[in-house]
Protein backbone atom coordinates (compact mmCIF):
# COMPACT_ATOMS: atom_id res chain seq x y z
CA MET A 1 -0.71 -5.88 -4.30
CA SER A 2 -0.84 -4.50 -7.83
CA LYS A 3 2.56 -4.02 -9.37
CA ASN A 4 2.12 -0.33 -10.07
CA PHE A 5 1.98 0.40 -6.33
CA GLU A 6 5.55 0.24 -5.17
CA LEU A 7 8.23 2.12 -3.29
CA LEU A 8 9.50 5.35 -4.72
CA GLN A 9 13.29 5.15 -4.61
CA GLN A 10 15.15 7.80 -2.72
CA VAL A 11 15.44 11.15 -4.47
CA GLY A 12 17.40 13.01 -1.87
CA THR A 13 15.12 12.34 1.12
CA SER A 14 15.75 10.15 4.11
CA GLY A 15 13.94 6.83 3.81
CA THR A 16 11.46 5.92 1.12
CA ALA A 17 7.95 7.04 0.30
CA THR A 18 4.89 5.32 -1.04
CA ARG A 19 4.09 5.80 -4.70
CA ALA A 20 0.64 5.39 -6.19
CA THR A 21 -0.21 5.61 -9.86
CA VAL A 22 -3.50 7.45 -10.29
CA ALA A 23 -5.33 8.34 -13.49
CA ASP A 24 -6.15 11.99 -13.92
CA ALA A 25 -9.89 11.41 -14.06
CA PRO A 26 -12.05 14.54 -14.43
CA LEU A 27 -14.44 15.36 -11.60
CA PRO A 28 -18.08 15.89 -12.53
CA LEU A 29 -19.33 19.47 -12.48
CA ARG A 30 -22.73 20.42 -11.04
CA ALA A 31 -24.89 23.51 -11.37
CA GLU A 32 -26.79 23.02 -8.10
CA HIS A 33 -25.30 23.39 -4.65
CA VAL A 34 -23.10 20.55 -3.57
CA ARG A 35 -25.16 19.95 -0.41
CA ALA A 36 -27.73 18.29 -2.66
CA ARG A 37 -25.16 16.09 -4.35
CA GLU A 38 -26.33 12.46 -4.65
CA THR A 39 -23.23 10.71 -5.98
CA GLY A 40 -19.57 10.78 -5.05
CA LEU A 41 -16.55 11.53 -7.20
CA GLN A 42 -15.94 9.05 -9.96
CA LEU A 43 -12.74 7.06 -10.53
CA ASP A 44 -12.25 3.91 -12.55
CA ASP A 45 -11.61 0.75 -10.52
CA VAL A 46 -7.83 0.74 -10.93
CA ALA A 47 -7.41 4.42 -10.07
CA ARG A 48 -9.73 4.18 -7.07
CA GLU A 49 -7.86 1.16 -5.72
CA GLU A 50 -4.55 2.99 -6.00
CA MET A 51 -6.02 6.10 -4.38
CA LEU A 52 -7.33 3.96 -1.52
CA ARG A 53 -3.87 2.45 -1.06
CA LEU A 54 -2.36 5.92 -0.95
CA VAL A 55 -4.90 7.13 1.61
CA GLN A 56 -4.39 4.04 3.76
CA SER A 57 -0.63 4.38 3.65
CA VAL A 58 -0.54 8.10 4.46
CA PHE A 59 -3.41 8.43 6.94
CA LEU A 60 -4.72 5.09 8.18
CA THR A 61 -1.78 2.71 8.61
CA ALA A 62 0.98 5.12 9.54
CA THR A 63 3.48 3.65 12.00
CA GLU A 64 4.37 6.95 13.68
CA ALA A 65 3.32 7.51 17.29
CA THR A 66 1.37 10.53 16.04
CA PRO A 67 -0.06 9.74 12.56
CA PRO A 68 -0.27 12.67 10.12
CA ARG A 69 -3.55 14.57 10.14
CA VAL A 70 -2.68 17.74 8.23
CA VAL A 71 -1.08 16.91 4.87
CA MET A 72 -0.38 19.06 1.84
CA PHE A 73 -0.57 17.75 -1.71
CA SER A 74 1.89 19.50 -3.99
CA GLY A 75 2.65 19.12 -7.67
CA ILE A 76 6.26 19.44 -8.77
CA ASP A 77 5.31 21.46 -11.86
CA SER A 78 2.16 23.11 -13.21
CA GLY A 79 -0.21 20.70 -14.91
CA ASN A 80 0.77 17.63 -12.86
CA GLY A 81 -2.88 17.11 -11.85
CA CYS A 82 -2.31 17.83 -8.16
CA SER A 83 -5.74 19.39 -7.55
CA HIS A 84 -7.49 16.32 -9.01
CA VAL A 85 -5.39 13.99 -6.86
CA CYS A 86 -5.95 16.01 -3.68
CA ALA A 87 -9.71 16.19 -4.26
CA HIS A 88 -10.01 12.46 -4.91
CA ALA A 89 -7.83 11.63 -1.89
CA ALA A 90 -10.06 13.73 0.36
CA ALA A 91 -13.22 12.07 -0.96
CA VAL A 92 -11.78 8.56 -0.60
CA LEU A 93 -10.54 9.33 2.91
CA ALA A 94 -13.95 10.69 3.92
CA ASP A 95 -15.57 7.51 2.56
CA ASN A 96 -13.36 5.38 4.81
CA VAL A 97 -13.38 7.26 8.13
CA THR A 98 -16.07 8.59 10.43
CA GLY A 99 -14.11 11.70 11.36
CA ALA A 100 -14.46 15.10 9.67
CA VAL A 101 -12.28 15.76 6.62
CA CYS A 102 -11.52 19.26 5.31
CA LEU A 103 -10.13 19.91 1.83
CA VAL A 104 -8.32 23.27 1.63
CA ASP A 105 -7.63 25.13 -1.62
CA ALA A 106 -4.40 26.97 -0.82
CA ASN A 107 -3.47 27.29 -4.49
CA LEU A 108 -4.03 31.03 -4.62
CA ARG A 109 -2.24 31.16 -7.97
CA ALA A 110 -4.72 28.97 -9.85
CA PRO A 111 -7.57 27.73 -7.62
CA ALA A 112 -9.40 24.74 -9.09
CA LEU A 113 -11.25 22.85 -6.35
CA PRO A 114 -14.49 24.92 -6.31
CA GLU A 115 -15.01 24.29 -10.04
CA PHE A 116 -14.42 20.56 -9.57
CA PHE A 117 -17.21 20.40 -6.99
CA GLY A 118 -19.54 22.88 -8.67
CA VAL A 119 -19.47 25.45 -5.88
CA THR A 120 -18.52 29.12 -5.74
CA ASN A 121 -15.10 30.33 -4.66
CA HIS A 122 -16.24 33.23 -2.50
CA HIS A 123 -15.99 33.28 1.30
CA GLY A 124 -12.95 31.02 1.60
CA LEU A 125 -9.39 30.87 2.90
CA THR A 126 -8.25 34.40 2.02
CA ASP A 127 -11.44 35.82 3.50
CA ALA A 128 -10.84 33.84 6.69
CA LEU A 129 -7.34 35.30 6.90
CA HIS A 130 -8.88 38.78 6.97
CA SER A 131 -11.60 37.87 9.48
CA ARG A 132 -12.07 36.81 13.08
CA GLU A 133 -15.01 34.49 12.38
CA ALA A 134 -14.60 30.80 13.17
CA ILE A 135 -12.94 28.84 10.37
CA ARG A 136 -15.99 26.59 9.93
CA GLU A 137 -17.97 29.64 8.84
CA PHE A 138 -15.90 29.67 5.64
CA THR A 139 -16.25 25.99 4.74
CA LYS A 140 -18.74 24.38 2.37
CA LYS A 141 -20.21 20.95 3.08
CA LEU A 142 -19.67 18.37 0.33
CA HIS A 143 -20.49 14.70 -0.22
CA PRO A 144 -20.05 12.47 1.75
CA GLU A 145 -21.47 14.22 4.79
CA ASN A 146 -18.16 14.30 6.66
CA LEU A 147 -16.31 16.18 3.88
CA TRP A 148 -15.91 19.97 3.77
CA LEU A 149 -14.20 22.37 1.35
CA LEU A 150 -12.40 25.55 2.32
CA SER A 151 -12.09 27.25 -1.06
CA CYS A 152 -9.33 29.79 -1.64
CA GLY A 153 -11.73 32.74 -1.47
CA SER A 154 -11.27 36.25 -2.84
CA VAL A 155 -7.90 36.50 -4.56
CA ALA A 156 -5.97 39.78 -4.84
CA THR A 157 -2.48 40.49 -6.13
CA ASP A 158 -1.07 40.39 -2.61
CA SER A 159 -2.96 37.25 -1.56
CA PRO A 160 0.08 34.89 -1.81
CA ALA A 161 1.75 36.93 0.96
CA LEU A 162 -0.95 35.65 3.29
CA ILE A 163 0.54 32.14 3.09
CA ASN A 164 3.55 33.37 5.10
CA SER A 165 1.49 35.30 7.63
CA GLU A 166 1.09 34.58 11.32
CA THR A 167 -2.66 34.44 10.70
CA MET A 168 -2.18 31.47 8.37
CA LYS A 169 -0.36 29.66 11.16
CA LEU A 170 -3.26 30.33 13.51
CA ARG A 171 -5.86 29.23 10.95
CA ILE A 172 -4.04 25.94 10.30
CA ALA A 173 -3.99 25.36 14.06
CA GLU A 174 -7.75 26.05 14.13
CA LEU A 175 -8.33 23.57 11.30
CA ARG A 176 -6.50 20.96 13.38
CA GLN A 177 -8.92 21.54 16.21
CA GLU A 178 -12.07 21.54 14.07
CA PHE A 179 -11.35 18.61 11.74
CA ASP A 180 -9.87 15.15 12.12
CA TYR A 181 -8.05 15.34 8.77
CA VAL A 182 -6.98 18.31 6.64
CA LEU A 183 -5.75 17.96 3.04
CA ILE A 184 -4.25 21.08 1.48
CA ASP A 185 -3.84 21.68 -2.25
CA THR A 186 -0.84 23.95 -2.91
CA PRO A 187 0.69 25.67 -5.94
CA PRO A 188 3.45 23.75 -7.80
CA LEU A 189 6.62 23.58 -5.73
CA ASN A 190 8.98 24.15 -8.65
CA SER A 191 7.30 27.44 -9.54
CA TYR A 192 6.32 29.09 -6.25
CA SER A 193 7.51 29.16 -2.64
CA ASP A 194 3.98 28.91 -1.17
CA GLY A 195 4.16 25.14 -0.70
CA VAL A 196 7.48 25.30 1.12
CA ALA A 197 6.05 27.97 3.43
CA LEU A 198 3.04 25.76 4.15
CA GLY A 199 5.38 22.83 4.72
CA ARG A 200 6.37 24.37 8.03
CA LEU A 201 2.77 24.07 9.25
CA VAL A 202 1.78 20.54 8.15
CA ASP A 203 2.58 17.01 9.24
CA GLY A 204 3.94 16.05 5.84
CA ALA A 205 3.62 16.30 2.08
CA VAL A 206 2.46 14.09 -0.77
CA LEU A 207 4.20 14.96 -4.04
CA VAL A 208 2.42 14.70 -7.38
CA LEU A 209 4.62 13.81 -10.36
CA GLU A 210 3.59 13.58 -14.00
CA ALA A 211 4.64 10.43 -15.82
CA ALA A 212 7.19 11.05 -18.60
CA ALA A 213 7.24 14.77 -17.78
CA THR A 214 8.56 15.49 -14.28
CA ARG A 215 12.35 15.83 -14.31
CA ARG A 216 14.53 14.15 -11.69
CA GLU A 217 16.42 17.41 -11.17
CA ALA A 218 13.17 19.15 -10.25
CA ILE A 219 12.31 16.41 -7.73
CA LEU A 220 15.75 16.71 -6.15
CA LYS A 221 15.41 20.48 -5.81
CA VAL A 222 11.92 20.28 -4.34
CA THR A 223 12.77 17.59 -1.81
CA ALA A 224 15.85 19.55 -0.73
CA ASP A 225 13.69 22.66 -0.20
CA LEU A 226 11.19 20.66 1.85
CA ARG A 227 13.91 19.01 3.88
CA ALA A 228 15.35 22.44 4.69
CA VAL A 229 12.11 23.34 6.52
CA ASN A 230 11.78 19.87 8.09
CA THR A 231 8.81 18.82 5.97
CA LYS A 232 8.44 15.05 5.75
CA VAL A 233 7.64 13.57 2.34
CA LEU A 234 4.94 11.01 3.10
CA GLY A 235 4.36 9.71 -0.40
CA ALA A 236 4.31 10.43 -4.10
CA VAL A 237 1.74 10.00 -6.84
CA LEU A 238 2.83 9.21 -10.39
CA ASN A 239 -0.02 10.79 -12.31
CA LYS A 240 -1.20 10.57 -15.95
CA ARG A 241 0.51 7.24 -16.51
CA ALA A 242 -0.33 5.55 -19.83
CA PHE A 243 -0.89 1.82 -19.44
CA ALA A 244 1.16 -0.27 -21.85
CA ILE A 245 -1.19 -3.24 -21.40
CA PRO A 246 -5.00 -3.47 -21.47
CA GLU A 247 -6.62 -2.25 -18.25
CA ALA A 248 -8.55 -5.51 -17.73
CA LEU A 249 -5.30 -7.46 -17.78
CA TYR A 250 -3.56 -4.87 -15.62
CA ARG A 251 -6.12 -5.38 -12.85
CA ARG A 252 -5.12 -9.05 -12.60
CA LEU A 253 -1.40 -8.40 -12.12
């Protein structure tokens, strides 16, 4: 096991959580529709290995009687790279399972996932919350073939209120029925309450921290807020870490 994949020491939660260090690698943009996409998302070897370890730990080797299937990815602060991490995790998970994986952009404050994948943002989550159509009607098929995106959709000034609605609860339940795994990108927990509200509806959360930037006090506050709504912290990603040794040598540690 590489030495940068280790246990995250307790920061006010019960038990410990898995930490993975993942480079904030940009996702390629495309002009054509993503259904015609020929290649997957790109990560360097070290980052992809750590992302695979994270995915295995959270989704594929869980020891609980009922392994988590609906998981939110939440940055502590803005700019932690949470959307990149969530997108890569969904792609890596889809590459390693045969079941259907849905990536949900619930960051109504600053949606980013459609741009990463080169698709439009229209006809997404907020539109589904105002409609009675089946949730699959609002998803876009990505690559690999078992990966879908539910973009955030049309955003209005009152859109964040939808996160706390009864309709959101029903739509999350519908996503559980339609997909084997659901990964949800949320706004930063230290800035908005949306993630805590969503925490009531998911099986757990993966926190995204920025190396040399995220403050311990902020982590303590966020984990206390999540614990108050009985949201389990499943893991943490230390993002944007600068390697103090050459990458080739790091791979051999």
